[in-house]
Amino acid sequence: MLEIISSVLDGLLIGLIYGLASIGLTLIFGVMDVVNLAHGSIIALGMFALYLFFGAGLNPYLSLLPVLVLGFLLGVVIYLIAVRRIINGPSLMTLLATFAVSMIIVGIGTAVWSTSPYNVDIKSSTLNILGYTVTTARLIAALSAVLVTFALYYFLYKTTLGKAVRAVSNNREAAELMGIPSQQILAISFGIGTALAMLSGALIATMFPFTILSGGIYELKSFVASVLGGLGNPTGALFGGIILGLIEGSVAPFIQVSWTNVIEFVLFVLILLFFPRGLLGGRR
């Protein structure tokens, strides 16, 4: 029983990271109806960004702020170069554009770092919480995900710029008639979604080894979490990530780890079939 509870607790903590990663994906979809296929490679970039900052002597947790800034700038550049001109075209065009961006990132990353595994060598201690052992790296990563999520919620619902983002998400044409510069808002939204993806990658890098290809599995998990919570619903994406993490933690003591992904994607298909708007509804 102690092993099961510890595994579920670990699953909850990693689920918060999945939720943060999926928020970036679902925010972009919710605002501009773009499925970002570069999401996984951007997560991997976040891992290597933290690795480079750590190698330069910067504390890994202090490195999260420059990772966020770099992610935002990268997202704005990707939007302006690859997405802006085709955003009103067929969905296939934006899929192909973001897939091309993903291939470019993976290609450059493979040339620079190869596909060998890297890790950020953090001296992580353990904490005893009500008799259960938790590593500080996972706890700090989970708390960081929660803080960033609350900050995003405050931004979207309590600030003028955040309300403009929601207005463009709900009705772009009406927002433009009210004087909201939709193209700038879309660029900012894509930048925020990319920043959150890179941040989640950086937090994952504090816990697990990684390669330039590691983002792929987390991209798939982000899709599952987003669908669980309802595409376009950032709050739902966080809870979708938590559900995903709890599932992983619950089944880990009983089956081989390789079966976990099978269970998750079976759940993904079932949600699409019976709850196409997700467990918490679609965009809000």
C-alpha atoms as a PDB file:
ATOM      1  CA  MET A   1       0.000   0.000   0.000  1.00  0.00           C
ATOM      2  CA  LEU A   2       2.879   2.374   0.810  1.00  0.00           C
ATOM      3  CA  GLU A   3       4.379   1.712  -2.618  1.00  0.00           C
ATOM      4  CA  ILE A   4       1.048   2.357  -4.343  1.00  0.00           C
ATOM      5  CA  ILE A   5       0.448   5.647  -2.522  1.00  0.00           C
ATOM      6  CA  SER A   6       4.021   6.801  -3.227  1.00  0.00           C
ATOM      7  CA  SER A   7       3.566   5.944  -6.910  1.00  0.00           C
ATOM      8  CA  VAL A   8       0.270   7.832  -7.090  1.00  0.00           C
ATOM      9  CA  LEU A   9       1.891  10.841  -5.390  1.00  0.00           C
ATOM     10  CA  ASP A  10       4.721  10.782  -7.945  1.00  0.00           C
ATOM     11  CA  GLY A  11       2.110  10.519 -10.683  1.00  0.00           C
ATOM     12  CA  LEU A  12       0.289  13.563  -9.334  1.00  0.00           C
ATOM     13  CA  LEU A  13       3.494  15.628  -9.360  1.00  0.00           C
ATOM     14  CA  ILE A  14       4.487  14.639 -12.892  1.00  0.00           C
ATOM     15  CA  GLY A  15       0.861  15.121 -13.971  1.00  0.00           C
ATOM     16  CA  LEU A  16       1.131  18.798 -13.089  1.00  0.00           C
ATOM     17  CA  ILE A  17       4.050  19.048 -15.537  1.00  0.00           C
ATOM     18  CA  TYR A  18       1.977  17.299 -18.214  1.00  0.00           C
ATOM     19  CA  GLY A  19      -0.770  19.812 -17.487  1.00  0.00           C
ATOM     20  CA  LEU A  20       1.596  22.752 -17.940  1.00  0.00           C
ATOM     21  CA  ALA A  21       2.817  21.334 -21.256  1.00  0.00           C
ATOM     22  CA  SER A  22      -0.734  20.777 -22.498  1.00  0.00           C
ATOM     23  CA  ILE A  23      -1.798  24.304 -21.498  1.00  0.00           C
ATOM     24  CA  GLY A  24       0.643  25.701 -24.055  1.00  0.00           C
ATOM     25  CA  LEU A  25      -0.803  23.438 -26.740  1.00  0.00           C
ATOM     26  CA  THR A  26      -4.456  24.086 -25.925  1.00  0.00           C
ATOM     27  CA  LEU A  27      -3.963  27.851 -25.547  1.00  0.00           C
ATOM     28  CA  ILE A  28      -2.694  28.116 -29.119  1.00  0.00           C
ATOM     29  CA  PHE A  29      -5.558  25.982 -30.385  1.00  0.00           C
ATOM     30  CA  GLY A  30      -8.136  27.870 -28.344  1.00  0.00           C
ATOM     31  CA  VAL A  31      -7.070  31.289 -29.585  1.00  0.00           C
ATOM     32  CA  MET A  32      -6.309  30.595 -33.237  1.00  0.00           C
ATOM     33  CA  ASP A  33      -7.567  27.068 -34.088  1.00  0.00           C
ATOM     34  CA  VAL A  34      -4.031  25.924 -34.867  1.00  0.00           C
ATOM     35  CA  VAL A  35      -2.850  22.444 -33.882  1.00  0.00           C
ATOM     36  CA  ASN A  36       0.820  23.057 -33.179  1.00  0.00           C
ATOM     37  CA  LEU A  37       2.772  20.013 -34.383  1.00  0.00           C
ATOM     38  CA  ALA A  38       6.017  21.728 -33.345  1.00  0.00           C
ATOM     39  CA  HIS A  39       4.961  21.423 -29.710  1.00  0.00           C
ATOM     40  CA  GLY A  40       7.135  18.390 -28.930  1.00  0.00           C
ATOM     41  CA  SER A  41      10.286  19.768 -30.512  1.00  0.00           C
ATOM     42  CA  ILE A  42       9.748  23.034 -28.609  1.00  0.00           C
ATOM     43  CA  ILE A  43       9.513  21.051 -25.360  1.00  0.00           C
ATOM     44  CA  ALA A  44      12.849  19.435 -26.273  1.00  0.00           C
ATOM     45  CA  LEU A  45      14.319  22.890 -26.915  1.00  0.00           C
ATOM     46  CA  GLY A  46      13.313  23.843 -23.386  1.00  0.00           C
ATOM     47  CA  MET A  47      15.254  20.857 -22.086  1.00  0.00           C
ATOM     48  CA  PHE A  48      18.399  21.874 -23.934  1.00  0.00           C
ATOM     49  CA  ALA A  49      17.967  25.546 -23.036  1.00  0.00           C
ATOM     50  CA  LEU A  50      18.084  24.585 -19.360  1.00  0.00           C
ATOM     51  CA  TYR A  51      21.060  22.312 -20.061  1.00  0.00           C
ATOM     52  CA  LEU A  52      22.973  25.194 -21.658  1.00  0.00           C
ATOM     53  CA  PHE A  53      22.154  27.654 -18.874  1.00  0.00           C
ATOM     54  CA  PHE A  54      23.131  25.058 -16.278  1.00  0.00           C
ATOM     55  CA  GLY A  55      26.393  24.384 -18.132  1.00  0.00           C
ATOM     56  CA  ALA A  56      27.108  28.124 -18.076  1.00  0.00           C
ATOM     57  CA  GLY A  57      26.931  28.048 -14.274  1.00  0.00           C
ATOM     58  CA  LEU A  58      23.424  29.419 -13.728  1.00  0.00           C
ATOM     59  CA  ASN A  59      21.202  27.817 -11.110  1.00  0.00           C
ATOM     60  CA  PRO A  60      18.733  25.545 -12.964  1.00  0.00           C
ATOM     61  CA  TYR A  61      15.701  27.048 -11.257  1.00  0.00           C
ATOM     62  CA  LEU A  62      16.862  30.614 -11.870  1.00  0.00           C
ATOM     63  CA  SER A  63      17.254  29.560 -15.501  1.00  0.00           C
ATOM     64  CA  LEU A  64      13.494  29.076 -15.827  1.00  0.00           C
ATOM     65  CA  LEU A  65      12.896  32.804 -16.304  1.00  0.00           C
ATOM     66  CA  PRO A  66      15.244  33.208 -19.309  1.00  0.00           C
ATOM     67  CA  VAL A  67      13.804  29.968 -20.708  1.00  0.00           C
ATOM     68  CA  LEU A  68      10.342  31.548 -20.549  1.00  0.00           C
ATOM     69  CA  VAL A  69      11.577  34.707 -22.272  1.00  0.00           C
ATOM     70  CA  LEU A  70      13.365  32.750 -25.011  1.00  0.00           C
ATOM     71  CA  GLY A  71      10.272  30.611 -25.512  1.00  0.00           C
ATOM     72  CA  PHE A  72       8.049  33.651 -25.896  1.00  0.00           C
ATOM     73  CA  LEU A  73      10.388  35.252 -28.450  1.00  0.00           C
ATOM     74  CA  LEU A  74      10.702  31.983 -30.367  1.00  0.00           C
ATOM     75  CA  GLY A  75       6.914  31.625 -30.466  1.00  0.00           C
ATOM     76  CA  VAL A  76       6.464  35.136 -31.843  1.00  0.00           C
ATOM     77  CA  VAL A  77       9.081  34.450 -34.538  1.00  0.00           C
ATOM     78  CA  ILE A  78       7.452  31.129 -35.494  1.00  0.00           C
ATOM     79  CA  TYR A  79       4.056  32.796 -35.726  1.00  0.00           C
ATOM     80  CA  LEU A  80       5.295  35.694 -37.869  1.00  0.00           C
ATOM     81  CA  ILE A  81       7.316  33.518 -40.245  1.00  0.00           C
ATOM     82  CA  ALA A  82       5.402  30.237 -40.486  1.00  0.00           C
ATOM     83  CA  VAL A  83       1.819  30.772 -39.328  1.00  0.00           C
ATOM     84  CA  ARG A  84       0.622  34.345 -39.828  1.00  0.00           C
ATOM     85  CA  ARG A  85       0.092  34.262 -43.590  1.00  0.00           C
ATOM     86  CA  ILE A  86      -1.769  30.954 -43.632  1.00  0.00           C
ATOM     87  CA  ILE A  87      -3.766  31.166 -40.402  1.00  0.00           C
ATOM     88  CA  ASN A  88      -6.996  31.873 -42.302  1.00  0.00           C
ATOM     89  CA  GLY A  89      -6.368  29.080 -44.789  1.00  0.00           C
ATOM     90  CA  PRO A  90      -7.225  25.375 -44.588  1.00  0.00           C
ATOM     91  CA  SER A  91      -6.251  23.618 -41.352  1.00  0.00           C
ATOM     92  CA  LEU A  92      -3.942  21.342 -43.324  1.00  0.00           C
ATOM     93  CA  MET A  93      -1.732  24.334 -44.164  1.00  0.00           C
ATOM     94  CA  THR A  94      -1.095  25.217 -40.523  1.00  0.00           C
ATOM     95  CA  LEU A  95      -0.507  21.538 -39.726  1.00  0.00           C
ATOM     96  CA  LEU A  96       2.112  21.308 -42.461  1.00  0.00           C
ATOM     97  CA  ALA A  97       3.698  24.623 -41.448  1.00  0.00           C
ATOM     98  CA  THR A  98       4.107  23.673 -37.783  1.00  0.00           C
ATOM     99  CA  PHE A  99       5.264  20.175 -38.773  1.00  0.00           C
ATOM    100  CA  ALA A 100       7.935  21.780 -40.958  1.00  0.00           C
ATOM    101  CA  VAL A 101       9.037  23.931 -38.011  1.00  0.00           C
ATOM    102  CA  SER A 102       9.274  20.776 -35.909  1.00  0.00           C
ATOM    103  CA  MET A 103      11.456  19.061 -38.509  1.00  0.00           C
ATOM    104  CA  ILE A 104      13.729  22.110 -38.704  1.00  0.00           C
ATOM    105  CA  ILE A 105      14.175  22.169 -34.917  1.00  0.00           C
ATOM    106  CA  VAL A 106      14.827  18.416 -34.736  1.00  0.00           C
ATOM    107  CA  GLY A 107      17.236  18.593 -37.677  1.00  0.00           C
ATOM    108  CA  ILE A 108      19.266  21.448 -36.197  1.00  0.00           C
ATOM    109  CA  GLY A 109      19.157  19.858 -32.740  1.00  0.00           C
ATOM    110  CA  THR A 110      20.368  16.515 -34.098  1.00  0.00           C
ATOM    111  CA  ALA A 111      23.241  18.233 -35.920  1.00  0.00           C
ATOM    112  CA  VAL A 112      24.286  20.132 -32.785  1.00  0.00           C
ATOM    113  CA  TRP A 113      23.627  17.617 -29.991  1.00  0.00           C
ATOM    114  CA  SER A 114      23.116  14.331 -31.920  1.00  0.00           C
ATOM    115  CA  THR A 115      20.546  11.971 -30.431  1.00  0.00           C
ATOM    116  CA  SER A 116      22.660  11.006 -27.426  1.00  0.00           C
ATOM    117  CA  PRO A 117      21.027  11.401 -24.007  1.00  0.00           C
ATOM    118  CA  TYR A 118      21.846  14.423 -21.846  1.00  0.00           C
ATOM    119  CA  ASN A 119      20.971  15.251 -18.281  1.00  0.00           C
ATOM    120  CA  VAL A 120      21.064  18.190 -15.889  1.00  0.00           C
ATOM    121  CA  ASP A 121      22.978  16.921 -12.884  1.00  0.00           C
ATOM    122  CA  ILE A 122      20.976  18.447 -10.055  1.00  0.00           C
ATOM    123  CA  LYS A 123      21.794  17.230  -6.578  1.00  0.00           C
ATOM    124  CA  SER A 124      18.232  16.458  -5.591  1.00  0.00           C
ATOM    125  CA  SER A 125      17.423  15.534  -2.014  1.00  0.00           C
ATOM    126  CA  THR A 126      14.294  13.825  -0.746  1.00  0.00           C
ATOM    127  CA  LEU A 127      11.508  14.976   1.542  1.00  0.00           C
ATOM    128  CA  ASN A 128       9.327  12.914   3.815  1.00  0.00           C
ATOM    129  CA  ILE A 129       5.690  14.015   3.499  1.00  0.00           C
ATOM    130  CA  LEU A 130       3.336  12.164   5.842  1.00  0.00           C
ATOM    131  CA  GLY A 131       5.579   9.132   5.646  1.00  0.00           C
ATOM    132  CA  TYR A 132       5.992   9.207   1.845  1.00  0.00           C
ATOM    133  CA  THR A 133       9.291  10.046   0.166  1.00  0.00           C
ATOM    134  CA  VAL A 134       9.281  12.695  -2.576  1.00  0.00           C
ATOM    135  CA  THR A 135      12.273  14.098  -4.436  1.00  0.00           C
ATOM    136  CA  THR A 136      12.683  17.858  -4.158  1.00  0.00           C
ATOM    137  CA  ALA A 137      13.196  18.139  -7.938  1.00  0.00           C
ATOM    138  CA  ARG A 138       9.708  16.759  -8.618  1.00  0.00           C
ATOM    139  CA  LEU A 139       8.148  18.822  -5.870  1.00  0.00           C
ATOM    140  CA  ILE A 140       9.744  22.076  -7.079  1.00  0.00           C
ATOM    141  CA  ALA A 141       8.792  21.292 -10.690  1.00  0.00           C
ATOM    142  CA  ALA A 142       5.173  20.613  -9.702  1.00  0.00           C
ATOM    143  CA  LEU A 143       4.945  23.772  -7.581  1.00  0.00           C
ATOM    144  CA  SER A 144       6.434  25.787 -10.455  1.00  0.00           C
ATOM    145  CA  ALA A 145       3.782  24.381 -12.793  1.00  0.00           C
ATOM    146  CA  VAL A 146       1.021  25.368 -10.354  1.00  0.00           C
ATOM    147  CA  LEU A 147       2.385  28.904  -9.906  1.00  0.00           C
ATOM    148  CA  VAL A 148       2.717  29.452 -13.652  1.00  0.00           C
ATOM    149  CA  THR A 149      -0.814  28.146 -14.212  1.00  0.00           C
ATOM    150  CA  PHE A 150      -2.259  30.545 -11.648  1.00  0.00           C
ATOM    151  CA  ALA A 151      -0.240  33.384 -13.204  1.00  0.00           C
ATOM    152  CA  LEU A 152      -1.670  32.526 -16.624  1.00  0.00           C
ATOM    153  CA  TYR A 153      -5.202  32.408 -15.197  1.00  0.00           C
ATOM    154  CA  TYR A 154      -4.703  35.844 -13.622  1.00  0.00           C
ATOM    155  CA  PHE A 155      -3.322  37.175 -16.907  1.00  0.00           C
ATOM    156  CA  LEU A 156      -6.244  35.879 -18.977  1.00  0.00           C
ATOM    157  CA  TYR A 157      -9.038  36.946 -16.633  1.00  0.00           C
ATOM    158  CA  LYS A 158      -7.721  39.976 -14.742  1.00  0.00           C
ATOM    159  CA  THR A 159      -5.596  41.986 -17.189  1.00  0.00           C
ATOM    160  CA  THR A 160      -6.593  44.067 -20.198  1.00  0.00           C
ATOM    161  CA  LEU A 161      -4.247  42.195 -22.519  1.00  0.00           C
ATOM    162  CA  GLY A 162      -5.525  38.846 -21.267  1.00  0.00           C
ATOM    163  CA  LYS A 163      -9.129  39.903 -21.874  1.00  0.00           C
ATOM    164  CA  ALA A 164      -8.107  40.910 -25.399  1.00  0.00           C
ATOM    165  CA  VAL A 165      -6.693  37.402 -25.909  1.00  0.00           C
ATOM    166  CA  ARG A 166     -10.004  35.904 -24.806  1.00  0.00           C
ATOM    167  CA  ALA A 167     -11.937  38.296 -27.030  1.00  0.00           C
ATOM    168  CA  VAL A 168      -9.904  37.291 -30.085  1.00  0.00           C
ATOM    169  CA  SER A 169     -10.385  33.641 -29.131  1.00  0.00           C
ATOM    170  CA  ASN A 170     -14.175  34.017 -28.939  1.00  0.00           C
ATOM    171  CA  ASN A 171     -14.711  36.123 -32.058  1.00  0.00           C
ATOM    172  CA  ARG A 172     -11.783  37.546 -33.992  1.00  0.00           C
ATOM    173  CA  GLU A 173     -13.840  39.701 -36.340  1.00  0.00           C
ATOM    174  CA  ALA A 174     -15.857  41.278 -33.527  1.00  0.00           C
ATOM    175  CA  ALA A 175     -12.654  41.920 -31.564  1.00  0.00           C
ATOM    176  CA  GLU A 176     -11.153  43.729 -34.555  1.00  0.00           C
ATOM    177  CA  LEU A 177     -14.291  45.868 -34.860  1.00  0.00           C
ATOM    178  CA  MET A 178     -13.767  46.883 -31.225  1.00  0.00           C
ATOM    179  CA  GLY A 179     -10.246  48.062 -32.033  1.00  0.00           C
ATOM    180  CA  ILE A 180      -8.290  45.051 -30.775  1.00  0.00           C
ATOM    181  CA  PRO A 181      -5.206  44.388 -32.998  1.00  0.00           C
ATOM    182  CA  SER A 182      -5.846  40.707 -33.615  1.00  0.00           C
ATOM    183  CA  GLN A 183      -2.542  39.965 -35.351  1.00  0.00           C
ATOM    184  CA  GLN A 184      -0.559  41.271 -32.387  1.00  0.00           C
ATOM    185  CA  ILE A 185      -2.753  39.310 -29.979  1.00  0.00           C
ATOM    186  CA  LEU A 186      -2.297  36.132 -32.014  1.00  0.00           C
ATOM    187  CA  ALA A 187       1.480  36.600 -32.014  1.00  0.00           C
ATOM    188  CA  ILE A 188       1.470  37.142 -28.251  1.00  0.00           C
ATOM    189  CA  SER A 189      -0.733  34.069 -27.733  1.00  0.00           C
ATOM    190  CA  PHE A 190       1.542  31.877 -29.828  1.00  0.00           C
ATOM    191  CA  GLY A 191       4.502  33.256 -27.889  1.00  0.00           C
ATOM    192  CA  ILE A 192       2.877  32.425 -24.536  1.00  0.00           C
ATOM    193  CA  GLY A 193       1.977  28.907 -25.663  1.00  0.00           C
ATOM    194  CA  THR A 194       5.530  28.321 -26.863  1.00  0.00           C
ATOM    195  CA  ALA A 195       6.987  29.740 -23.649  1.00  0.00           C
ATOM    196  CA  LEU A 196       4.883  27.347 -21.573  1.00  0.00           C
ATOM    197  CA  ALA A 197       6.012  24.410 -23.719  1.00  0.00           C
ATOM    198  CA  MET A 198       9.675  25.336 -23.279  1.00  0.00           C
ATOM    199  CA  LEU A 199       9.181  25.847 -19.549  1.00  0.00           C
ATOM    200  CA  SER A 200       7.618  22.402 -19.179  1.00  0.00           C
ATOM    201  CA  GLY A 201      10.568  20.924 -21.073  1.00  0.00           C
ATOM    202  CA  ALA A 202      12.991  22.689 -18.735  1.00  0.00           C
ATOM    203  CA  LEU A 203      11.160  21.329 -15.685  1.00  0.00           C
ATOM    204  CA  ILE A 204      11.173  17.810 -17.139  1.00  0.00           C
ATOM    205  CA  ALA A 205      14.935  18.138 -17.714  1.00  0.00           C
ATOM    206  CA  THR A 206      15.445  18.605 -13.969  1.00  0.00           C
ATOM    207  CA  MET A 207      14.020  15.115 -13.412  1.00  0.00           C
ATOM    208  CA  PHE A 208      14.810  12.869 -16.390  1.00  0.00           C
ATOM    209  CA  PRO A 209      17.517  12.380 -19.048  1.00  0.00           C
ATOM    210  CA  PHE A 210      16.558  13.677 -22.491  1.00  0.00           C
ATOM    211  CA  THR A 211      17.485  13.846 -26.172  1.00  0.00           C
ATOM    212  CA  ILE A 212      16.390  16.143 -28.972  1.00  0.00           C
ATOM    213  CA  LEU A 213      13.733  13.508 -29.779  1.00  0.00           C
ATOM    214  CA  SER A 214      12.350  13.365 -26.227  1.00  0.00           C
ATOM    215  CA  GLY A 215       9.708  15.990 -26.913  1.00  0.00           C
ATOM    216  CA  GLY A 216       7.716  13.587 -29.076  1.00  0.00           C
ATOM    217  CA  ILE A 217       6.318  11.497 -26.228  1.00  0.00           C
ATOM    218  CA  TYR A 218       5.464  14.614 -24.215  1.00  0.00           C
ATOM    219  CA  GLU A 219       3.711  16.097 -27.232  1.00  0.00           C
ATOM    220  CA  LEU A 220       1.493  13.017 -27.413  1.00  0.00           C
ATOM    221  CA  LYS A 221       0.807  13.221 -23.677  1.00  0.00           C
ATOM    222  CA  SER A 222      -0.071  16.907 -24.139  1.00  0.00           C
ATOM    223  CA  PHE A 223      -2.645  15.971 -26.786  1.00  0.00           C
ATOM    224  CA  VAL A 224      -4.172  13.372 -24.477  1.00  0.00           C
ATOM    225  CA  ALA A 225      -4.319  15.807 -21.542  1.00  0.00           C
ATOM    226  CA  SER A 226      -5.778  18.553 -23.756  1.00  0.00           C
ATOM    227  CA  VAL A 227      -8.507  16.263 -25.055  1.00  0.00           C
ATOM    228  CA  LEU A 228      -9.255  15.030 -21.522  1.00  0.00           C
ATOM    229  CA  GLY A 229      -9.762  18.578 -20.300  1.00  0.00           C
ATOM    230  CA  GLY A 230     -11.350  19.920 -23.491  1.00  0.00           C
ATOM    231  CA  LEU A 231      -9.413  21.459 -26.363  1.00  0.00           C
ATOM    232  CA  GLY A 232      -9.106  25.207 -25.990  1.00  0.00           C
ATOM    233  CA  ASN A 233      -9.708  25.120 -22.225  1.00  0.00           C
ATOM    234  CA  PRO A 234      -6.409  25.917 -20.405  1.00  0.00           C
ATOM    235  CA  THR A 235      -7.836  25.105 -16.966  1.00  0.00           C
ATOM    236  CA  GLY A 236      -9.170  21.813 -18.273  1.00  0.00           C
ATOM    237  CA  ALA A 237      -5.752  21.021 -19.762  1.00  0.00           C
ATOM    238  CA  LEU A 238      -4.159  21.275 -16.320  1.00  0.00           C
ATOM    239  CA  PHE A 239      -6.711  18.876 -14.850  1.00  0.00           C
ATOM    240  CA  GLY A 240      -6.265  16.623 -17.873  1.00  0.00           C
ATOM    241  CA  GLY A 241      -2.545  16.461 -17.115  1.00  0.00           C
ATOM    242  CA  ILE A 242      -3.263  15.654 -13.473  1.00  0.00           C
ATOM    243  CA  ILE A 243      -5.624  12.844 -14.512  1.00  0.00           C
ATOM    244  CA  LEU A 244      -2.959  11.500 -16.869  1.00  0.00           C
ATOM    245  CA  GLY A 245      -0.322  11.565 -14.147  1.00  0.00           C
ATOM    246  CA  LEU A 246      -2.635   9.863 -11.649  1.00  0.00           C
ATOM    247  CA  ILE A 247      -3.348   7.108 -14.177  1.00  0.00           C
ATOM    248  CA  GLU A 248       0.380   6.553 -14.664  1.00  0.00           C
ATOM    249  CA  GLY A 249       0.988   6.508 -10.931  1.00  0.00           C
ATOM    250  CA  SER A 250      -1.930   4.160 -10.245  1.00  0.00           C
ATOM    251  CA  VAL A 251      -1.015   1.493 -12.793  1.00  0.00           C
ATOM    252  CA  ALA A 252       2.786   1.648 -12.435  1.00  0.00           C
ATOM    253  CA  PRO A 253       2.990  -0.737  -9.444  1.00  0.00           C
ATOM    254  CA  PHE A 254       0.919  -3.395 -11.256  1.00  0.00           C
ATOM    255  CA  ILE A 255       2.053  -3.461 -14.900  1.00  0.00           C
ATOM    256  CA  GLN A 256       5.159  -2.840 -16.983  1.00  0.00           C
ATOM    257  CA  VAL A 257       5.871   0.802 -17.761  1.00  0.00           C
ATOM    258  CA  SER A 258       5.667   0.092 -21.500  1.00  0.00           C
ATOM    259  CA  TRP A 259       1.924  -0.606 -21.112  1.00  0.00           C
ATOM    260  CA  THR A 260       1.223   2.806 -19.599  1.00  0.00           C
ATOM    261  CA  ASN A 261       1.211   4.575 -22.966  1.00  0.00           C
ATOM    262  CA  VAL A 262      -1.175   1.956 -24.357  1.00  0.00           C
ATOM    263  CA  ILE A 263      -3.645   2.646 -21.549  1.00  0.00           C
ATOM    264  CA  GLU A 264      -3.340   6.413 -22.048  1.00  0.00           C
ATOM    265  CA  PHE A 265      -4.045   6.271 -25.774  1.00  0.00           C
ATOM    266  CA  VAL A 266      -6.935   3.854 -25.362  1.00  0.00           C
ATOM    267  CA  LEU A 267      -8.356   6.428 -22.942  1.00  0.00           C
ATOM    268  CA  PHE A 268      -7.627   9.113 -25.567  1.00  0.00           C
ATOM    269  CA  VAL A 269      -9.732   7.266 -28.164  1.00  0.00           C
ATOM    270  CA  LEU A 270     -12.564   6.620 -25.688  1.00  0.00           C
ATOM    271  CA  ILE A 271     -12.720  10.294 -24.723  1.00  0.00           C
ATOM    272  CA  LEU A 272     -12.872  11.291 -28.388  1.00  0.00           C
ATOM    273  CA  LEU A 273     -15.696   8.812 -28.969  1.00  0.00           C
ATOM    274  CA  PHE A 274     -17.865   9.512 -25.944  1.00  0.00           C
ATOM    275  CA  PHE A 275     -16.804  12.981 -24.734  1.00  0.00           C
ATOM    276  CA  PRO A 276     -15.603  14.844 -27.864  1.00  0.00           C
ATOM    277  CA  ARG A 277     -15.604  18.150 -25.949  1.00  0.00           C
ATOM    278  CA  GLY A 278     -13.528  16.672 -23.133  1.00  0.00           C
ATOM    279  CA  LEU A 279     -14.467  15.961 -19.539  1.00  0.00           C
ATOM    280  CA  LEU A 280     -14.597  19.676 -18.673  1.00  0.00           C
ATOM    281  CA  GLY A 281     -15.887  21.049 -21.957  1.00  0.00           C
ATOM    282  CA  GLY A 282     -14.176  22.875 -24.809  1.00  0.00           C
ATOM    283  CA  ARG A 283     -12.712  26.351 -25.011  1.00  0.00           C
ATOM    284  CA  ARG A 284     -13.697  28.933 -22.433  1.00  0.00           C
END
